[in-house]
Amino acid sequence: MCETCGCGDEHVVSVDLHERILAANDGAARHNREHFAELGVLAINLMGSPGSGKTALIEATARAASNRDLRISALSGDLATDRDGERLRAAGIPAATITTGSACHLDAAMVHHGLHDLAWRDRDLLFIENVGNLVCPAVYDLGQAANVVALSVTEGEDKPLKYPVMFRKADLVVLTKADLLPHLPEVCVESLEDALGQVMPKPRMIVVSTRTGQGMQEWMSWLGERLPRRPSRDPAPPRQN
């Protein structure tokens, strides 16, 4: 289990230690946020279970962005491999992988270090694809502008009630793999919306299929509404003596 976020043995991780770790993380997150704001980059913390469709959503976003003059990059968190990073780079997205080993989440320091290996400064949008987990990633501020949770239609309508911290921290839930809904008569989207309404301060869900394109226009509009105005990149004029 993770030895830093408090999800492990409570006798190993004390409350005081947990608070000190979060305080240090928050400082690093503020530093990241300053970088993103300075360069006008929208940073999205994309969370969700393994297999929820996080990588596919980034790939589909890149395809949709190609006609919108929107430049995307990605940091991908994984325990042991670079497979998601390889997928994203194959899709033409500048991407780097943060290999966490046994850690079940990304933290702000990992993100700051990962940015050194990524061409992100001239991008409009940075996806931080967190480690597949519905618990720990929600605890750590990474310096992001928004938290998005990818939840696939196959995961169950009760996930928001079973993992309330994750969904309580979410600005948006993207219900993925919607093309499977006709084959899953037992899945009730209305019940899921009701569950989200019980835990999210401002419930918002977009139903998406990266295969058919369903919901992608709404998703792109949601991102577009949050894009900051990019500062001028023109070099400063020479100083007159």
Protein backbone atom coordinates (compact mmCIF):
# COMPACT_ATOMS: atom_id res chain seq x y z
CA MET A 1 0.00 0.00 0.00
CA CYS A 2 1.00 3.62 -0.39
CA GLU A 3 3.15 4.89 2.48
CA THR A 4 2.50 8.59 2.02
CA CYS A 5 -1.16 9.36 1.36
CA GLY A 6 -2.64 7.70 4.42
CA CYS A 7 -4.39 4.86 2.62
CA GLY A 8 -2.17 2.26 4.26
CA ASP A 9 -1.79 1.08 7.83
CA GLU A 10 -2.80 3.88 10.19
CA HIS A 11 -0.18 2.67 12.67
CA VAL A 12 2.54 3.22 10.09
CA VAL A 13 1.39 6.62 8.81
CA SER A 14 0.64 9.03 11.64
CA VAL A 15 -1.81 11.91 11.26
CA ASP A 16 0.93 14.47 11.91
CA LEU A 17 3.13 12.98 9.20
CA HIS A 18 0.22 12.95 6.79
CA GLU A 19 -0.46 16.64 7.44
CA ARG A 20 3.20 17.55 6.91
CA ILE A 21 3.29 15.63 3.63
CA LEU A 22 0.17 17.38 2.37
CA ALA A 23 1.57 20.79 3.39
CA ALA A 24 4.75 20.14 1.41
CA ASN A 25 2.69 18.92 -1.53
CA ASP A 26 0.51 22.03 -1.46
CA GLY A 27 3.61 24.20 -1.69
CA ALA A 28 4.81 22.31 -4.76
CA ALA A 29 1.31 22.52 -6.25
CA ARG A 30 1.29 26.31 -5.87
CA HIS A 31 4.62 26.39 -7.70
CA ASN A 32 3.20 24.27 -10.55
CA ARG A 33 0.10 26.44 -10.72
CA GLU A 34 2.22 29.57 -11.06
CA HIS A 35 4.04 28.00 -14.02
CA PHE A 36 0.76 27.04 -15.72
CA ALA A 37 -0.77 30.49 -15.13
CA GLU A 38 2.33 32.30 -16.36
CA LEU A 39 2.29 30.43 -19.66
CA GLY A 40 -1.49 30.25 -20.06
CA VAL A 41 -1.65 26.44 -19.99
CA LEU A 42 -4.85 24.72 -18.85
CA ALA A 43 -3.83 21.78 -16.64
CA ILE A 44 -6.41 19.02 -16.14
CA ASN A 45 -6.01 16.30 -13.50
CA LEU A 46 -7.64 13.32 -15.22
CA MET A 47 -8.51 10.59 -12.72
CA GLY A 48 -10.36 7.29 -12.82
CA SER A 49 -10.10 3.54 -12.38
CA PRO A 50 -7.75 1.39 -14.45
CA GLY A 51 -9.49 0.80 -17.77
CA SER A 52 -11.95 3.66 -17.38
CA GLY A 53 -10.85 5.16 -20.69
CA LYS A 54 -8.55 8.00 -19.58
CA THR A 55 -5.95 7.46 -22.30
CA ALA A 56 -8.62 6.96 -24.97
CA LEU A 57 -10.25 10.23 -23.92
CA ILE A 58 -6.96 12.11 -24.36
CA GLU A 59 -6.44 10.48 -27.76
CA ALA A 60 -9.96 11.47 -28.85
CA THR A 61 -9.44 14.99 -27.52
CA ALA A 62 -6.29 15.33 -29.63
CA ARG A 63 -8.23 14.25 -32.73
CA ALA A 64 -11.00 16.73 -32.01
CA ALA A 65 -8.47 19.47 -31.26
CA SER A 66 -6.77 19.14 -34.64
CA ASN A 67 -9.43 21.36 -36.23
CA ARG A 68 -9.54 23.83 -33.35
CA ASP A 69 -5.96 25.10 -33.22
CA LEU A 70 -5.66 23.53 -29.76
CA ARG A 71 -2.30 22.08 -28.80
CA ILE A 72 -2.20 19.25 -26.27
CA SER A 73 0.47 17.55 -24.16
CA ALA A 74 0.21 14.89 -21.48
CA LEU A 75 1.92 13.50 -18.41
CA SER A 76 0.91 9.90 -17.74
CA GLY A 77 1.22 8.29 -14.32
CA ASP A 78 1.71 4.53 -14.16
CA LEU A 79 3.09 2.08 -11.64
CA ALA A 80 5.48 0.22 -13.90
CA THR A 81 5.26 0.84 -17.65
CA ASP A 82 5.33 3.52 -20.35
CA ARG A 83 2.49 1.92 -22.33
CA ASP A 84 0.05 4.81 -21.99
CA GLY A 85 2.79 7.27 -22.88
CA GLU A 86 3.63 5.22 -25.95
CA ARG A 87 -0.03 5.29 -27.02
CA LEU A 88 -0.23 9.04 -26.62
CA ARG A 89 2.99 9.70 -28.52
CA ALA A 90 1.79 7.40 -31.30
CA ALA A 91 -1.28 9.64 -31.50
CA GLY A 92 0.99 12.65 -32.05
CA ILE A 93 0.69 14.00 -28.49
CA PRO A 94 3.87 15.14 -26.73
CA ALA A 95 3.80 12.85 -23.68
CA ALA A 96 6.02 11.72 -20.85
CA THR A 97 5.46 9.01 -18.25
CA ILE A 98 5.87 9.30 -14.51
CA THR A 99 6.61 5.81 -13.16
CA THR A 100 5.52 5.74 -9.53
CA GLY A 101 6.61 2.24 -8.48
CA SER A 102 4.32 1.43 -5.55
CA ALA A 103 2.67 4.85 -5.15
CA CYS A 104 -1.02 4.81 -5.99
CA HIS A 105 -1.21 8.46 -7.05
CA LEU A 106 0.76 11.37 -8.47
CA ASP A 107 1.84 14.25 -6.28
CA ALA A 108 2.86 17.79 -7.15
CA ALA A 109 6.60 17.14 -6.91
CA MET A 110 6.32 14.22 -9.34
CA VAL A 111 4.46 16.44 -11.77
CA HIS A 112 7.02 19.23 -11.47
CA HIS A 113 9.83 16.76 -12.15
CA GLY A 114 7.92 15.19 -15.04
CA LEU A 115 7.48 18.56 -16.73
CA HIS A 116 11.24 18.70 -17.24
CA ASP A 117 10.96 15.79 -19.70
CA LEU A 118 7.99 17.17 -21.64
CA ALA A 119 7.48 19.83 -24.30
CA TRP A 120 4.53 21.53 -22.64
CA ARG A 121 5.33 25.23 -22.50
CA ASP A 122 3.99 25.99 -25.97
CA ARG A 123 0.86 23.89 -25.44
CA ASP A 124 -2.65 25.13 -24.66
CA LEU A 125 -3.72 22.11 -22.63
CA LEU A 126 -1.84 19.71 -20.36
CA PHE A 127 -3.51 16.48 -19.32
CA ILE A 128 -2.11 14.96 -16.14
CA GLU A 129 -3.31 11.37 -16.44
CA ASN A 130 -3.24 10.17 -12.86
CA VAL A 131 -2.59 6.62 -11.69
CA GLY A 132 -5.65 4.38 -12.08
CA ASN A 133 -7.30 4.59 -8.66
CA LEU A 134 -10.55 5.94 -7.22
CA VAL A 135 -9.15 6.93 -3.82
CA CYS A 136 -5.73 8.53 -3.37
CA PRO A 137 -5.44 10.76 -6.48
CA ALA A 138 -8.26 12.99 -5.23
CA VAL A 139 -6.31 13.90 -2.08
CA TYR A 140 -3.33 15.53 -3.79
CA ASP A 141 -3.36 18.95 -5.39
CA LEU A 142 -1.09 18.92 -8.46
CA GLY A 143 -1.48 22.57 -9.44
CA GLN A 144 -4.29 21.73 -11.88
CA ALA A 145 -7.08 24.04 -12.94
CA ALA A 146 -9.73 21.32 -12.79
CA ASN A 147 -10.34 17.72 -11.74
CA VAL A 148 -12.02 15.41 -14.24
CA VAL A 149 -13.05 11.85 -13.39
CA ALA A 150 -13.44 9.31 -16.19
CA LEU A 151 -16.04 6.71 -15.23
CA SER A 152 -16.96 3.98 -17.67
CA VAL A 153 -20.50 2.69 -18.06
CA THR A 154 -19.30 -0.79 -17.03
CA GLU A 155 -18.11 0.29 -13.56
CA GLY A 156 -21.48 0.53 -11.84
CA GLU A 157 -23.91 3.25 -10.83
CA ASP A 158 -22.85 3.13 -7.18
CA LYS A 159 -19.23 4.23 -7.66
CA PRO A 160 -19.88 7.85 -6.58
CA LEU A 161 -21.45 6.61 -3.34
CA LYS A 162 -18.70 4.07 -2.68
CA TYR A 163 -15.86 6.49 -3.45
CA PRO A 164 -17.31 9.87 -2.44
CA VAL A 165 -13.98 11.68 -1.92
CA MET A 166 -13.03 11.23 -5.56
CA PHE A 167 -16.33 12.55 -6.88
CA ARG A 168 -16.63 15.27 -4.26
CA LYS A 169 -13.38 16.74 -5.61
CA ALA A 170 -14.46 16.43 -9.25
CA ASP A 171 -15.38 19.44 -11.38
CA LEU A 172 -16.67 17.11 -14.09
CA VAL A 173 -17.43 13.42 -14.60
CA VAL A 174 -17.00 12.04 -18.11
CA LEU A 175 -19.09 8.89 -18.51
CA THR A 176 -17.04 6.91 -21.02
CA LYS A 177 -17.76 4.00 -23.37
CA ALA A 178 -21.30 5.18 -23.96
CA ASP A 179 -21.45 3.11 -27.16
CA LEU A 180 -21.82 0.08 -24.86
CA LEU A 181 -25.04 1.35 -23.26
CA PRO A 182 -27.35 -0.40 -25.76
CA HIS A 183 -25.74 -3.67 -24.70
CA LEU A 184 -26.05 -2.95 -20.96
CA PRO A 185 -29.78 -2.65 -20.24
CA GLU A 186 -29.09 -2.95 -16.52
CA VAL A 187 -27.13 0.33 -16.49
CA CYS A 188 -29.30 3.33 -15.65
CA VAL A 189 -27.67 6.67 -16.43
CA GLU A 190 -30.34 8.48 -14.40
CA SER A 191 -29.38 6.47 -11.30
CA LEU A 192 -25.77 7.45 -11.81
CA GLU A 193 -26.74 11.11 -12.12
CA ASP A 194 -28.69 10.79 -8.87
CA ALA A 195 -25.64 9.30 -7.12
CA LEU A 196 -23.45 12.13 -8.39
CA GLY A 197 -25.98 14.62 -7.10
CA GLN A 198 -25.53 13.20 -3.62
CA VAL A 199 -21.76 13.69 -3.51
CA MET A 200 -20.67 16.37 -6.02
CA PRO A 201 -21.05 19.97 -4.84
CA LYS A 202 -21.90 21.02 -8.41
CA PRO A 203 -22.91 17.86 -10.31
CA ARG A 204 -21.87 17.85 -13.96
CA MET A 205 -21.57 14.84 -16.26
CA ILE A 206 -20.90 14.48 -19.97
CA VAL A 207 -21.73 11.17 -21.64
CA VAL A 208 -19.00 10.32 -24.16
CA SER A 209 -18.03 7.63 -26.64
CA THR A 210 -14.56 8.00 -28.09
CA ARG A 211 -15.52 5.42 -30.73
CA THR A 212 -18.61 7.15 -32.12
CA GLY A 213 -17.80 10.73 -31.13
CA GLN A 214 -20.89 11.05 -28.93
CA GLY A 215 -20.46 13.86 -26.43
CA MET A 216 -17.11 15.02 -27.78
CA GLN A 217 -18.40 18.40 -28.90
CA GLU A 218 -19.78 19.06 -25.42
CA TRP A 219 -16.50 17.90 -23.86
CA MET A 220 -14.45 20.16 -26.13
CA SER A 221 -16.73 23.10 -25.31
CA TRP A 222 -16.24 22.44 -21.59
CA LEU A 223 -12.47 22.55 -22.06
CA GLY A 224 -12.67 25.62 -24.27
CA GLU A 225 -14.59 27.54 -21.65
CA ARG A 226 -11.68 27.06 -19.24
CA LEU A 227 -8.76 27.84 -21.51
CA PRO A 228 -6.86 30.82 -20.16
CA ARG A 229 -5.80 33.69 -22.36
CA ARG A 230 -2.26 32.92 -23.46
CA PRO A 231 0.30 35.66 -22.82
CA SER A 232 2.11 37.13 -25.79
CA ARG A 233 5.14 35.16 -26.85
CA ASP A 234 6.60 38.00 -28.89
CA PRO A 235 10.08 38.92 -27.71
CA ALA A 236 10.34 42.18 -25.79
CA PRO A 237 11.55 45.09 -27.88
CA PRO A 238 15.14 46.17 -27.31
CA ARG A 239 15.56 48.72 -24.57
CA GLN A 240 16.31 52.23 -25.80
CA ASN A 241 19.26 53.93 -24.13
